[in-house]
Amino acid sequence: MTEMKRLLYTALTVMAILAALPAKAATDTYFPYPIVPDSIVTLQGRADFLVTHFWDFCDMKKGFSSRAKMAEAFSDYLSFMPHASAKTVHKSIAKLLKDLEKQPADQLFFAQKAEELIHSDTSEVFSDELFLPFARAVVENKRIPAKDKTHFIDQTKILTATMLGSRMPDIAYTDRNGNKAVFSPDSTQVTILFFNEPDNHECLLAKARLNADSKSSSFIADGIMKIVAITKTEPGEDWISFAKTMPETWTVGAVPDIDKIYDIRIIPGFYVIDQGGNILLKNANINQIISIISNL
């Protein structure tokens, strides 16, 4: 099957699911889902309608009497978002969170479900952009106890600082000689942040592949690219010994709490930073990085 046929087949399948939704709504859902008018024929148009009107027939004050059923409905709601326009999605989420402002326990419940469904290791669709409004709502809701906000405060801070397109946070680190230093983006065209852990087999393989990549070495020699390898560990003697195994042409540092500053979902994990210091890509794997470098 060609790529075009595959994409067409996927789109038609999704449209068929969306078209069949009203039949499901009548029998299988916790509350009636909206019926998309036949006059709306595009995938995005139908998804926009569903996202906009999804909660129209749900009594929010009574619905949470069955959290399991509300969780299932919430999962359905999120499943349409990849097919809807960004403007519609953000408007719908804002309205939902506003409607739940005076139901703090329920707003917190949806934020927790949002993290589980779209911002965890098991998420089928992962999205900072969709999760962040839920985290912010919890942080800003004065009715939610402080103890329930701590995690979301941390998440909001980290995600806000590391959204795609934002300027990378400076990194205060201990270098391979045990000295304190700070890495800030400069005029280098491409900077690769390589987050790693000592004694991690996958990190060692990623280091070896990146170091062996001839194009990478050439770019570094020409001042076109920098590699900044940050190890999530205390800068003790063991790390100093580990750091000596890193390529001399790399900037190498230890930052034990780097995951309190950067959103790091995988180890080894990579960020790509542009000439202006902005985050172009985050949580990439070594295969993606090698591919990007090969296409520069």
Protein backbone atom coordinates (compact mmCIF):
# COMPACT_ATOMS: atom_id res chain seq x y z
CA MET A 1 0.00 0.00 0.00
CA THR A 2 1.44 3.40 -0.98
CA GLU A 3 1.78 6.19 1.60
CA MET A 4 -0.99 8.19 -0.09
CA LYS A 5 -3.34 5.21 -0.06
CA ARG A 6 -2.53 4.55 3.57
CA LEU A 7 -3.30 8.15 4.55
CA LEU A 8 -6.52 8.10 2.54
CA TYR A 9 -7.56 4.80 4.10
CA THR A 10 -6.86 6.17 7.59
CA ALA A 11 -8.86 9.32 6.93
CA LEU A 12 -11.80 7.39 5.52
CA THR A 13 -11.73 5.01 8.47
CA VAL A 14 -11.81 7.87 10.96
CA MET A 15 -14.63 9.55 9.05
CA ALA A 16 -16.58 6.32 9.12
CA ILE A 17 -16.12 6.13 12.88
CA LEU A 18 -17.25 9.72 13.29
CA ALA A 19 -20.25 9.15 11.06
CA ALA A 20 -21.26 6.10 13.06
CA LEU A 21 -20.94 7.88 16.38
CA PRO A 22 -24.61 8.95 16.76
CA ALA A 23 -25.70 5.31 16.64
CA LYS A 24 -23.28 4.55 19.46
CA ALA A 25 -24.49 7.56 21.38
CA ALA A 26 -28.00 6.25 21.59
CA THR A 27 -27.06 3.05 23.36
CA ASP A 28 -23.50 2.86 24.64
CA THR A 29 -22.48 6.24 26.05
CA TYR A 30 -22.99 7.72 29.51
CA PHE A 31 -24.91 10.67 28.05
CA PRO A 32 -26.00 11.49 24.49
CA TYR A 33 -23.12 12.59 22.31
CA PRO A 34 -23.82 15.31 19.72
CA ILE A 35 -25.07 14.23 16.30
CA VAL A 36 -23.03 15.82 13.54
CA PRO A 37 -25.23 17.36 10.80
CA ASP A 38 -24.97 15.61 7.45
CA SER A 39 -24.12 18.97 5.89
CA ILE A 40 -20.70 18.85 7.57
CA VAL A 41 -18.67 16.50 5.41
CA THR A 42 -14.99 17.20 6.15
CA LEU A 43 -13.10 15.30 8.82
CA GLN A 44 -11.99 18.49 10.56
CA GLY A 45 -15.45 20.01 10.34
CA ARG A 46 -17.06 16.96 11.92
CA ALA A 47 -14.38 16.77 14.62
CA ASP A 48 -14.80 20.49 15.34
CA PHE A 49 -18.54 20.01 15.83
CA LEU A 50 -18.03 17.05 18.16
CA VAL A 51 -15.39 18.79 20.25
CA THR A 52 -17.45 21.98 20.48
CA HIS A 53 -20.71 20.30 21.48
CA PHE A 54 -19.42 17.17 23.21
CA TRP A 55 -20.63 18.12 26.71
CA ASP A 56 -23.91 19.78 25.65
CA PHE A 57 -26.05 16.93 26.96
CA CYS A 58 -24.01 16.16 30.08
CA ASP A 59 -25.23 17.38 33.46
CA MET A 60 -21.87 18.26 34.98
CA LYS A 61 -23.24 18.44 38.51
CA LYS A 62 -24.61 14.90 38.36
CA GLY A 63 -22.28 13.28 35.86
CA PHE A 64 -19.38 12.73 38.24
CA SER A 65 -21.51 10.44 40.41
CA SER A 66 -19.93 7.78 38.19
CA ARG A 67 -16.33 8.77 37.70
CA ALA A 68 -15.59 5.63 35.72
CA LYS A 69 -18.21 6.56 33.13
CA MET A 70 -17.10 10.20 33.06
CA ALA A 71 -13.53 9.02 32.53
CA GLU A 72 -14.65 6.95 29.55
CA ALA A 73 -16.51 9.93 28.09
CA PHE A 74 -13.49 12.16 28.69
CA SER A 75 -11.32 9.69 26.81
CA ASP A 76 -13.75 9.83 23.87
CA TYR A 77 -13.67 13.64 24.00
CA LEU A 78 -9.88 13.73 23.80
CA SER A 79 -9.83 11.19 20.97
CA PHE A 80 -11.46 13.66 18.56
CA MET A 81 -8.99 16.47 19.24
CA PRO A 82 -6.20 15.38 16.87
CA HIS A 83 -8.68 15.76 14.00
CA ALA A 84 -10.10 19.15 15.10
CA SER A 85 -8.65 22.63 14.58
CA ALA A 86 -6.37 24.01 17.30
CA LYS A 87 -8.63 27.03 17.80
CA THR A 88 -11.68 24.84 18.39
CA VAL A 89 -9.81 22.52 20.74
CA HIS A 90 -8.46 25.32 22.93
CA LYS A 91 -11.84 27.04 23.08
CA SER A 92 -13.58 23.80 24.05
CA ILE A 93 -11.06 22.93 26.77
CA ALA A 94 -11.27 26.46 28.20
CA LYS A 95 -15.06 26.23 28.40
CA LEU A 96 -14.96 22.79 30.02
CA LEU A 97 -12.49 23.92 32.66
CA LYS A 98 -14.48 27.09 33.31
CA ASP A 99 -17.65 25.03 33.79
CA LEU A 100 -15.81 22.92 36.39
CA GLU A 101 -14.23 25.82 38.23
CA LYS A 102 -16.71 25.52 41.12
CA GLN A 103 -16.36 21.74 41.16
CA PRO A 104 -12.71 21.57 42.23
CA ALA A 105 -12.62 17.83 42.90
CA ASP A 106 -14.04 17.14 39.45
CA GLN A 107 -11.70 19.59 37.73
CA LEU A 108 -8.78 17.92 39.49
CA PHE A 109 -10.08 14.51 38.41
CA PHE A 110 -10.16 15.56 34.75
CA ALA A 111 -6.64 17.02 35.04
CA GLN A 112 -5.40 13.71 36.43
CA LYS A 113 -7.15 11.80 33.64
CA ALA A 114 -5.73 14.21 31.05
CA GLU A 115 -2.22 13.49 32.31
CA GLU A 116 -2.88 9.75 32.17
CA LEU A 117 -4.36 9.86 28.67
CA ILE A 118 -2.24 12.46 26.86
CA HIS A 119 0.85 13.08 29.01
CA SER A 120 2.19 9.80 30.35
CA ASP A 121 4.41 6.96 29.18
CA THR A 122 1.30 4.94 28.27
CA SER A 123 -0.44 7.70 26.29
CA GLU A 124 -1.41 6.76 22.74
CA VAL A 125 -1.46 10.45 21.82
CA PHE A 126 1.04 12.63 23.70
CA SER A 127 0.52 16.39 23.81
CA ASP A 128 2.00 19.14 25.98
CA GLU A 129 -0.33 21.60 24.33
CA LEU A 130 -3.50 19.72 25.31
CA PHE A 131 -2.39 18.81 28.82
CA LEU A 132 -1.05 22.21 29.89
CA PRO A 133 -4.47 23.97 30.18
CA PHE A 134 -5.66 21.25 32.59
CA ALA A 135 -2.52 21.62 34.73
CA ARG A 136 -2.84 25.40 34.76
CA ALA A 137 -6.50 25.21 35.74
CA VAL A 138 -5.62 23.15 38.82
CA VAL A 139 -2.83 25.56 39.77
CA GLU A 140 -5.09 28.60 39.43
CA ASN A 141 -8.17 27.13 41.15
CA LYS A 142 -8.22 28.49 44.70
CA ARG A 143 -10.71 25.81 45.70
CA ILE A 144 -8.23 22.99 45.13
CA PRO A 145 -6.07 22.13 48.19
CA ALA A 146 -2.40 23.08 47.99
CA LYS A 147 -1.30 19.47 48.50
CA ASP A 148 -3.12 18.48 45.30
CA LYS A 149 -1.49 21.30 43.34
CA THR A 150 2.19 20.54 43.95
CA HIS A 151 2.63 18.12 41.06
CA PHE A 152 0.71 20.33 38.63
CA ILE A 153 2.68 23.41 39.70
CA ASP A 154 5.89 21.58 38.80
CA GLN A 155 4.45 20.34 35.50
CA THR A 156 3.17 23.79 34.55
CA LYS A 157 6.54 25.40 35.27
CA ILE A 158 8.54 22.81 33.34
CA LEU A 159 6.21 22.59 30.34
CA THR A 160 5.83 26.36 30.02
CA ALA A 161 9.62 26.71 29.94
CA THR A 162 10.16 23.94 27.39
CA MET A 163 7.31 24.29 24.91
CA LEU A 164 8.31 23.95 21.28
CA GLY A 165 9.32 27.36 19.99
CA SER A 166 10.28 28.72 23.41
CA ARG A 167 13.82 29.74 24.32
CA MET A 168 15.72 26.98 26.06
CA PRO A 169 16.33 27.51 29.79
CA ASP A 170 19.96 28.11 30.72
CA ILE A 171 21.66 25.09 32.26
CA ALA A 172 23.81 25.54 35.38
CA TYR A 173 26.06 22.49 35.58
CA THR A 174 29.26 21.01 36.96
CA ASP A 175 31.75 20.39 34.16
CA ARG A 176 34.05 17.41 33.66
CA ASN A 177 36.75 19.11 35.73
CA GLY A 178 34.45 19.70 38.69
CA ASN A 179 33.97 23.41 37.98
CA LYS A 180 30.66 25.26 38.03
CA ALA A 181 29.48 26.59 34.67
CA VAL A 182 26.37 27.77 32.85
CA PHE A 183 25.40 26.85 29.31
CA SER A 184 23.41 29.46 27.41
CA PRO A 185 22.57 29.27 23.70
CA ASP A 186 24.84 31.26 21.40
CA SER A 187 25.09 31.84 17.66
CA THR A 188 25.78 28.18 16.88
CA GLN A 189 23.37 27.10 14.15
CA VAL A 190 22.31 23.84 15.83
CA THR A 191 22.71 22.70 19.43
CA ILE A 192 21.91 19.14 20.45
CA LEU A 193 21.07 18.62 24.14
CA PHE A 194 21.77 15.02 25.09
CA PHE A 195 20.19 14.02 28.41
CA ASN A 196 21.69 10.83 29.80
CA GLU A 197 22.32 8.75 32.89
CA PRO A 198 25.55 6.98 33.89
CA ASP A 199 25.72 3.20 33.50
CA ASN A 200 22.69 3.25 31.21
CA HIS A 201 23.30 0.88 28.29
CA GLU A 202 21.07 2.81 25.87
CA CYS A 203 22.85 6.05 26.76
CA LEU A 204 26.23 4.46 26.07
CA LEU A 205 25.01 3.25 22.68
CA ALA A 206 23.58 6.67 21.83
CA LYS A 207 26.88 8.32 22.80
CA ALA A 208 28.82 5.88 20.62
CA ARG A 209 26.55 6.40 17.61
CA LEU A 210 26.61 10.17 17.88
CA ASN A 211 30.37 10.26 18.37
CA ALA A 212 30.91 7.93 15.40
CA ASP A 213 28.72 9.99 13.08
CA SER A 214 31.12 11.64 10.62
CA LYS A 215 28.74 14.43 9.65
CA SER A 216 28.22 15.32 13.29
CA SER A 217 31.97 15.47 13.88
CA SER A 218 32.43 17.65 10.80
CA PHE A 219 29.73 20.09 11.89
CA ILE A 220 31.26 20.38 15.35
CA ALA A 221 34.73 20.98 13.89
CA ASP A 222 33.32 23.71 11.63
CA GLY A 223 31.49 25.42 14.51
CA ILE A 224 28.10 24.70 12.96
CA MET A 225 26.87 22.40 15.72
CA LYS A 226 27.36 21.83 19.44
CA ILE A 227 26.54 18.77 21.49
CA VAL A 228 25.79 19.39 25.16
CA ALA A 229 25.66 16.15 27.16
CA ILE A 230 23.94 16.56 30.53
CA THR A 231 23.99 13.67 32.97
CA LYS A 232 21.23 13.43 35.58
CA THR A 233 23.50 12.65 38.53
CA GLU A 234 25.47 14.17 41.37
CA PRO A 235 28.89 15.40 40.20
CA GLY A 236 30.94 13.07 42.37
CA GLU A 237 34.13 11.17 41.61
CA ASP A 238 32.26 8.42 39.75
CA TRP A 239 30.73 10.96 37.41
CA ILE A 240 34.06 12.75 36.88
CA SER A 241 35.48 9.40 35.73
CA PHE A 242 32.43 8.83 33.52
CA ALA A 243 32.73 12.33 32.03
CA LYS A 244 36.28 11.61 30.92
CA THR A 245 34.89 8.98 28.54
CA MET A 246 32.84 11.62 26.73
CA PRO A 247 34.21 13.17 23.51
CA GLU A 248 36.46 16.17 24.16
CA THR A 249 34.55 18.18 21.55
CA TRP A 250 31.31 17.97 23.54
CA THR A 251 30.21 20.19 26.39
CA VAL A 252 29.67 17.78 29.28
CA GLY A 253 27.96 18.47 32.59
CA ALA A 254 26.24 16.94 35.61
CA VAL A 255 22.89 18.29 36.83
CA PRO A 256 21.13 16.03 39.37
CA ASP A 257 17.82 17.86 39.14
CA ILE A 258 17.76 18.55 35.40
CA ASP A 259 14.30 16.98 35.19
CA LYS A 260 13.03 19.82 37.38
CA ILE A 261 14.07 22.26 34.64
CA TYR A 262 13.55 20.30 31.42
CA ASP A 263 10.69 18.06 30.37
CA ILE A 264 12.55 14.77 29.95
CA ARG A 265 10.35 11.83 28.96
CA ILE A 266 12.94 9.39 27.69
CA ILE A 267 16.53 8.49 28.56
CA PRO A 268 18.56 8.91 26.48
CA GLY A 269 16.61 11.93 25.31
CA PHE A 270 17.49 14.78 22.99
CA TYR A 271 16.45 18.38 22.37
CA VAL A 272 17.28 20.26 19.18
CA ILE A 273 17.94 23.99 19.62
CA ASP A 274 18.11 26.49 16.76
CA GLN A 275 20.46 29.44 16.24
CA GLY A 276 18.17 31.72 18.23
CA GLY A 277 18.17 29.38 21.21
CA ASN A 278 14.64 28.17 20.55
CA ILE A 279 13.47 24.59 21.07
CA LEU A 280 12.75 22.96 17.71
CA LEU A 281 12.34 19.37 18.93
CA LYS A 282 12.16 17.73 22.35
CA ASN A 283 12.26 14.19 23.70
CA ALA A 284 13.70 12.85 20.46
CA ASN A 285 15.53 9.53 20.32
CA ILE A 286 18.95 8.82 18.86
CA ASN A 287 17.52 7.55 15.56
CA GLN A 288 15.70 10.85 15.02
CA ILE A 289 18.81 12.84 15.87
CA ILE A 290 21.04 10.90 13.48
CA SER A 291 18.40 11.33 10.76
CA ILE A 292 18.18 15.08 11.37
CA ILE A 293 21.95 15.50 11.24
CA SER A 294 22.17 13.47 8.03
CA ASN A 295 19.67 15.82 6.39
CA LEU A 296 21.36 19.07 7.43
